[in-house]
PDB file of all heavy atoms in Angstrom:
ATOM      1  N   VAL A   1       5.867 -10.591  -1.318  1.00  0.00           N
ATOM      2  CA  VAL A   1       4.936 -10.537  -2.467  1.00  0.00           C
ATOM      3  C   VAL A   1       3.506 -10.767  -1.974  1.00  0.00           C
ATOM      4  O   VAL A   1       2.581 -10.032  -2.348  1.00  0.00           O
ATOM      5  CB  VAL A   1       5.312 -11.591  -3.541  1.00  0.00           C
ATOM      6  CG1 VAL A   1       4.230 -11.661  -4.633  1.00  0.00           C
ATOM      7  CG2 VAL A   1       6.656 -11.257  -4.172  1.00  0.00           C
ATOM      8  N   ILE A   2       3.326 -11.778  -1.137  1.00  0.00           N
ATOM      9  CA  ILE A   2       1.994 -12.094  -0.596  1.00  0.00           C
ATOM     10  C   ILE A   2       1.463 -10.922   0.236  1.00  0.00           C
ATOM     11  O   ILE A   2       0.292 -10.534   0.123  1.00  0.00           O
ATOM     12  CB  ILE A   2       2.037 -13.391   0.245  1.00  0.00           C
ATOM     13  CG1 ILE A   2       2.348 -14.584  -0.674  1.00  0.00           C
ATOM     14  CG2 ILE A   2       0.726 -13.624   0.992  1.00  0.00           C
ATOM     15  CD1 ILE A   2       2.792 -15.843   0.053  1.00  0.00           C
ATOM     16  N   PHE A   3       2.336 -10.311   1.045  1.00  0.00           N
ATOM     17  CA  PHE A   3       1.939  -9.174   1.883  1.00  0.00           C
ATOM     18  C   PHE A   3       1.469  -7.988   1.025  1.00  0.00           C
ATOM     19  O   PHE A   3       0.425  -7.387   1.300  1.00  0.00           O
ATOM     20  CB  PHE A   3       3.116  -8.752   2.774  1.00  0.00           C
ATOM     21  CG  PHE A   3       2.835  -7.545   3.626  1.00  0.00           C
ATOM     22  CD1 PHE A   3       2.052  -7.652   4.765  1.00  0.00           C
ATOM     23  CD2 PHE A   3       3.352  -6.299   3.282  1.00  0.00           C
ATOM     24  CE1 PHE A   3       1.778  -6.534   5.556  1.00  0.00           C
ATOM     25  CE2 PHE A   3       3.088  -5.182   4.053  1.00  0.00           C
ATOM     26  CZ  PHE A   3       2.297  -5.300   5.200  1.00  0.00           C
ATOM     27  N   CYS A   4       2.240  -7.654  -0.026  1.00  0.00           N
ATOM     28  CA  CYS A   4       1.882  -6.517  -0.894  1.00  0.00           C
ATOM     29  C   CYS A   4       0.616  -6.795  -1.699  1.00  0.00           C
ATOM     30  O   CYS A   4      -0.179  -5.887  -1.936  1.00  0.00           O
ATOM     31  CB  CYS A   4       3.045  -6.174  -1.826  1.00  0.00           C
ATOM     32  SG  CYS A   4       4.414  -5.370  -0.968  1.00  0.00           S
ATOM     33  N   ALA A   5       0.430  -8.049  -2.105  1.00  0.00           N
ATOM     34  CA  ALA A   5      -0.804  -8.418  -2.793  1.00  0.00           C
ATOM     35  C   ALA A   5      -2.003  -8.185  -1.872  1.00  0.00           C
ATOM     36  O   ALA A   5      -3.059  -7.708  -2.303  1.00  0.00           O
ATOM     37  CB  ALA A   5      -0.751  -9.867  -3.240  1.00  0.00           C
ATOM     38  N   GLY A   6      -1.831  -8.491  -0.595  1.00  0.00           N
ATOM     39  CA  GLY A   6      -2.888  -8.273   0.400  1.00  0.00           C
ATOM     40  C   GLY A   6      -3.243  -6.799   0.543  1.00  0.00           C
ATOM     41  O   GLY A   6      -4.424  -6.439   0.601  1.00  0.00           O
ATOM     42  N   ILE A   7      -2.206  -5.931   0.555  1.00  0.00           N
ATOM     43  CA  ILE A   7      -2.444  -4.483   0.635  1.00  0.00           C
ATOM     44  C   ILE A   7      -3.224  -4.009  -0.589  1.00  0.00           C
ATOM     45  O   ILE A   7      -4.155  -3.209  -0.491  1.00  0.00           O
ATOM     46  CB  ILE A   7      -1.110  -3.701   0.759  1.00  0.00           C
ATOM     47  CG1 ILE A   7      -0.498  -3.927   2.141  1.00  0.00           C
ATOM     48  CG2 ILE A   7      -1.318  -2.203   0.516  1.00  0.00           C
ATOM     49  CD1 ILE A   7       0.847  -3.262   2.353  1.00  0.00           C
ATOM     50  N   ASN A   8      -2.874  -4.534  -1.755  1.00  0.00           N
ATOM     51  CA  ASN A   8      -3.547  -4.137  -2.996  1.00  0.00           C
ATOM     52  C   ASN A   8      -5.024  -4.509  -2.997  1.00  0.00           C
ATOM     53  O   ASN A   8      -5.833  -3.838  -3.632  1.00  0.00           O
ATOM     54  CB  ASN A   8      -2.842  -4.757  -4.214  1.00  0.00           C
ATOM     55  CG  ASN A   8      -1.739  -3.874  -4.745  1.00  0.00           C
ATOM     56  OD1 ASN A   8      -1.977  -3.055  -5.620  1.00  0.00           O
ATOM     57  ND2 ASN A   8      -0.545  -4.001  -4.205  1.00  0.00           N
ATOM     58  N   LEU A   9      -5.370  -5.594  -2.307  1.00  0.00           N
ATOM     59  CA  LEU A   9      -6.780  -6.004  -2.238  1.00  0.00           C
ATOM     60  C   LEU A   9      -7.632  -4.974  -1.494  1.00  0.00           C
ATOM     61  O   LEU A   9      -8.845  -4.922  -1.665  1.00  0.00           O
ATOM     62  CB  LEU A   9      -6.899  -7.361  -1.520  1.00  0.00           C
ATOM     63  CG  LEU A   9      -6.588  -8.603  -2.359  1.00  0.00           C
ATOM     64  CD1 LEU A   9      -6.655  -9.836  -1.481  1.00  0.00           C
ATOM     65  CD2 LEU A   9      -7.562  -8.729  -3.532  1.00  0.00           C
ATOM     66  N   LEU A  10      -6.981  -4.144  -0.677  1.00  0.00           N
ATOM     67  CA  LEU A  10      -7.715  -3.156   0.126  1.00  0.00           C
ATOM     68  C   LEU A  10      -8.126  -1.919  -0.672  1.00  0.00           C
ATOM     69  O   LEU A  10      -8.897  -1.105  -0.192  1.00  0.00           O
ATOM     70  CB  LEU A  10      -6.870  -2.744   1.340  1.00  0.00           C
ATOM     71  CG  LEU A  10      -6.483  -3.882   2.299  1.00  0.00           C
ATOM     72  CD1 LEU A  10      -5.552  -3.372   3.385  1.00  0.00           C
ATOM     73  CD2 LEU A  10      -7.723  -4.516   2.930  1.00  0.00           C
ATOM     74  N   GLY A  11      -7.591  -1.750  -1.890  1.00  0.00           N
ATOM     75  CA  GLY A  11      -8.063  -0.668  -2.760  1.00  0.00           C
ATOM     76  C   GLY A  11      -7.037   0.425  -3.026  1.00  0.00           C
ATOM     77  O   GLY A  11      -6.012   0.531  -2.357  1.00  0.00           O
ATOM     78  N   THR A  12      -7.366   1.290  -4.020  1.00  0.00           N
ATOM     79  CA  THR A  12      -6.461   2.343  -4.506  1.00  0.00           C
ATOM     80  C   THR A  12      -6.048   3.325  -3.420  1.00  0.00           C
ATOM     81  O   THR A  12      -4.879   3.682  -3.306  1.00  0.00           O
ATOM     82  CB  THR A  12      -7.141   3.139  -5.651  1.00  0.00           C
ATOM     83  OG1 THR A  12      -7.549   2.231  -6.654  1.00  0.00           O
ATOM     84  CG2 THR A  12      -6.202   4.160  -6.256  1.00  0.00           C
ATOM     85  N   ASP A  13      -7.020   3.768  -2.602  1.00  0.00           N
ATOM     86  CA  ASP A  13      -6.686   4.783  -1.598  1.00  0.00           C
ATOM     87  C   ASP A  13      -5.731   4.229  -0.543  1.00  0.00           C
ATOM     88  O   ASP A  13      -4.849   4.934  -0.059  1.00  0.00           O
ATOM     89  CB  ASP A  13      -7.952   5.350  -0.947  1.00  0.00           C
ATOM     90  CG  ASP A  13      -8.865   4.269  -0.384  1.00  0.00           C
ATOM     91  OD1 ASP A  13      -8.828   3.147  -0.913  1.00  0.00           O
ATOM     92  OD2 ASP A  13      -9.606   4.547   0.578  1.00  0.00           O
ATOM     93  N   ILE A  14      -5.881   2.936  -0.198  1.00  0.00           N
ATOM     94  CA  ILE A  14      -4.966   2.301   0.771  1.00  0.00           C
ATOM     95  C   ILE A  14      -3.568   2.178   0.169  1.00  0.00           C
ATOM     96  O   ILE A  14      -2.566   2.426   0.840  1.00  0.00           O
ATOM     97  CB  ILE A  14      -5.475   0.899   1.192  1.00  0.00           C
ATOM     98  CG1 ILE A  14      -6.868   1.004   1.842  1.00  0.00           C
ATOM     99  CG2 ILE A  14      -4.514   0.203   2.133  1.00  0.00           C
ATOM    100  CD1 ILE A  14      -6.891   1.687   3.181  1.00  0.00           C
ATOM    101  N   VAL A  15      -3.503   1.791  -1.127  1.00  0.00           N
ATOM    102  CA  VAL A  15      -2.209   1.692  -1.824  1.00  0.00           C
ATOM    103  C   VAL A  15      -1.512   3.042  -1.792  1.00  0.00           C
ATOM    104  O   VAL A  15      -0.328   3.148  -1.464  1.00  0.00           O
ATOM    105  CB  VAL A  15      -2.393   1.207  -3.292  1.00  0.00           C
ATOM    106  CG1 VAL A  15      -1.074   1.280  -4.047  1.00  0.00           C
ATOM    107  CG2 VAL A  15      -2.912  -0.217  -3.323  1.00  0.00           C
ATOM    108  N   GLY A  16      -2.268   4.115  -2.117  1.00  0.00           N
ATOM    109  CA  GLY A  16      -1.705   5.469  -2.128  1.00  0.00           C
ATOM    110  C   GLY A  16      -1.190   5.889  -0.766  1.00  0.00           C
ATOM    111  O   GLY A  16      -0.099   6.450  -0.639  1.00  0.00           O
ATOM    112  N   THR A  17      -1.954   5.607   0.287  1.00  0.00           N
ATOM    113  CA  THR A  17      -1.551   5.957   1.658  1.00  0.00           C
ATOM    114  C   THR A  17      -0.305   5.185   2.084  1.00  0.00           C
ATOM    115  O   THR A  17       0.632   5.750   2.666  1.00  0.00           O
ATOM    116  CB  THR A  17      -2.700   5.659   2.657  1.00  0.00           C
ATOM    117  OG1 THR A  17      -3.869   6.340   2.219  1.00  0.00           O
ATOM    118  CG2 THR A  17      -2.346   6.111   4.056  1.00  0.00           C
ATOM    119  N   ALA A  18      -0.278   3.885   1.782  1.00  0.00           N
ATOM    120  CA  ALA A  18       0.884   3.046   2.120  1.00  0.00           C
ATOM    121  C   ALA A  18       2.141   3.565   1.431  1.00  0.00           C
ATOM    122  O   ALA A  18       3.216   3.648   2.042  1.00  0.00           O
ATOM    123  CB  ALA A  18       0.615   1.596   1.715  1.00  0.00           C
ATOM    124  N   GLU A  19       2.003   3.943   0.134  1.00  0.00           N
ATOM    125  CA  GLU A  19       3.141   4.489  -0.616  1.00  0.00           C
ATOM    126  C   GLU A  19       3.634   5.779   0.030  1.00  0.00           C
ATOM    127  O   GLU A  19       4.830   5.994   0.194  1.00  0.00           O
ATOM    128  CB  GLU A  19       2.725   4.792  -2.067  1.00  0.00           C
ATOM    129  CG  GLU A  19       2.414   3.580  -2.907  1.00  0.00           C
ATOM    130  CD  GLU A  19       3.613   2.672  -3.081  1.00  0.00           C
ATOM    131  OE1 GLU A  19       4.712   3.169  -3.344  1.00  0.00           O
ATOM    132  OE2 GLU A  19       3.439   1.460  -2.937  1.00  0.00           O
ATOM    133  N   THR A  20       2.697   6.675   0.380  1.00  0.00           N
ATOM    134  CA  THR A  20       3.058   7.980   0.943  1.00  0.00           C
ATOM    135  C   THR A  20       3.866   7.821   2.224  1.00  0.00           C
ATOM    136  O   THR A  20       4.912   8.457   2.400  1.00  0.00           O
ATOM    137  CB  THR A  20       1.795   8.814   1.227  1.00  0.00           C
ATOM    138  OG1 THR A  20       1.015   8.896   0.021  1.00  0.00           O
ATOM    139  CG2 THR A  20       2.144  10.221   1.674  1.00  0.00           C
ATOM    140  N   LEU A  21       3.400   6.971   3.130  1.00  0.00           N
ATOM    141  CA  LEU A  21       4.088   6.760   4.411  1.00  0.00           C
ATOM    142  C   LEU A  21       5.470   6.141   4.215  1.00  0.00           C
ATOM    143  O   LEU A  21       6.462   6.608   4.780  1.00  0.00           O
ATOM    144  CB  LEU A  21       3.239   5.854   5.318  1.00  0.00           C
ATOM    145  CG  LEU A  21       1.912   6.456   5.814  1.00  0.00           C
ATOM    146  CD1 LEU A  21       1.091   5.406   6.536  1.00  0.00           C
ATOM    147  CD2 LEU A  21       2.161   7.657   6.718  1.00  0.00           C
ATOM    148  N   ALA A  22       5.531   5.084   3.394  1.00  0.00           N
ATOM    149  CA  ALA A  22       6.812   4.389   3.167  1.00  0.00           C
ATOM    150  C   ALA A  22       7.823   5.300   2.493  1.00  0.00           C
ATOM    151  O   ALA A  22       8.977   5.398   2.927  1.00  0.00           O
ATOM    152  CB  ALA A  22       6.583   3.135   2.328  1.00  0.00           C
ATOM    153  N   ILE A  23       7.381   5.993   1.437  1.00  0.00           N
ATOM    154  CA  ILE A  23       8.307   6.817   0.666  1.00  0.00           C
ATOM    155  C   ILE A  23       8.739   8.057   1.436  1.00  0.00           C
ATOM    156  O   ILE A  23       9.865   8.526   1.286  1.00  0.00           O
ATOM    157  CB  ILE A  23       7.677   7.175  -0.703  1.00  0.00           C
ATOM    158  CG1 ILE A  23       7.579   5.910  -1.560  1.00  0.00           C
ATOM    159  CG2 ILE A  23       8.470   8.233  -1.435  1.00  0.00           C
ATOM    160  CD1 ILE A  23       8.870   5.112  -1.675  1.00  0.00           C
ATOM    161  N   GLY A  24       7.867   8.568   2.301  1.00  0.00           N
ATOM    162  CA  GLY A  24       8.255   9.701   3.150  1.00  0.00           C
ATOM    163  C   GLY A  24       9.459   9.353   4.007  1.00  0.00           C
ATOM    164  O   GLY A  24      10.443  10.103   4.075  1.00  0.00           O
ATOM    165  N   PHE A  25       9.414   8.197   4.638  1.00  0.00           N
ATOM    166  CA  PHE A  25      10.524   7.733   5.486  1.00  0.00           C
ATOM    167  C   PHE A  25      11.781   7.492   4.659  1.00  0.00           C
ATOM    168  O   PHE A  25      12.884   7.930   5.029  1.00  0.00           O
ATOM    169  CB  PHE A  25      10.121   6.442   6.218  1.00  0.00           C
ATOM    170  CG  PHE A  25      11.230   5.846   7.039  1.00  0.00           C
ATOM    171  CD1 PHE A  25      11.507   6.334   8.313  1.00  0.00           C
ATOM    172  CD2 PHE A  25      12.006   4.809   6.545  1.00  0.00           C
ATOM    173  CE1 PHE A  25      12.540   5.795   9.079  1.00  0.00           C
ATOM    174  CE2 PHE A  25      13.043   4.260   7.291  1.00  0.00           C
ATOM    175  CZ  PHE A  25      13.303   4.757   8.568  1.00  0.00           C
TER     176      PHE A  25
END
């Protein structure tokens, strides 16, 4: 939870990129 909250602090485009990479795999 803490790790994902940290990713969210980096902004919408980072969230979108993280989702794309994870979901692709």
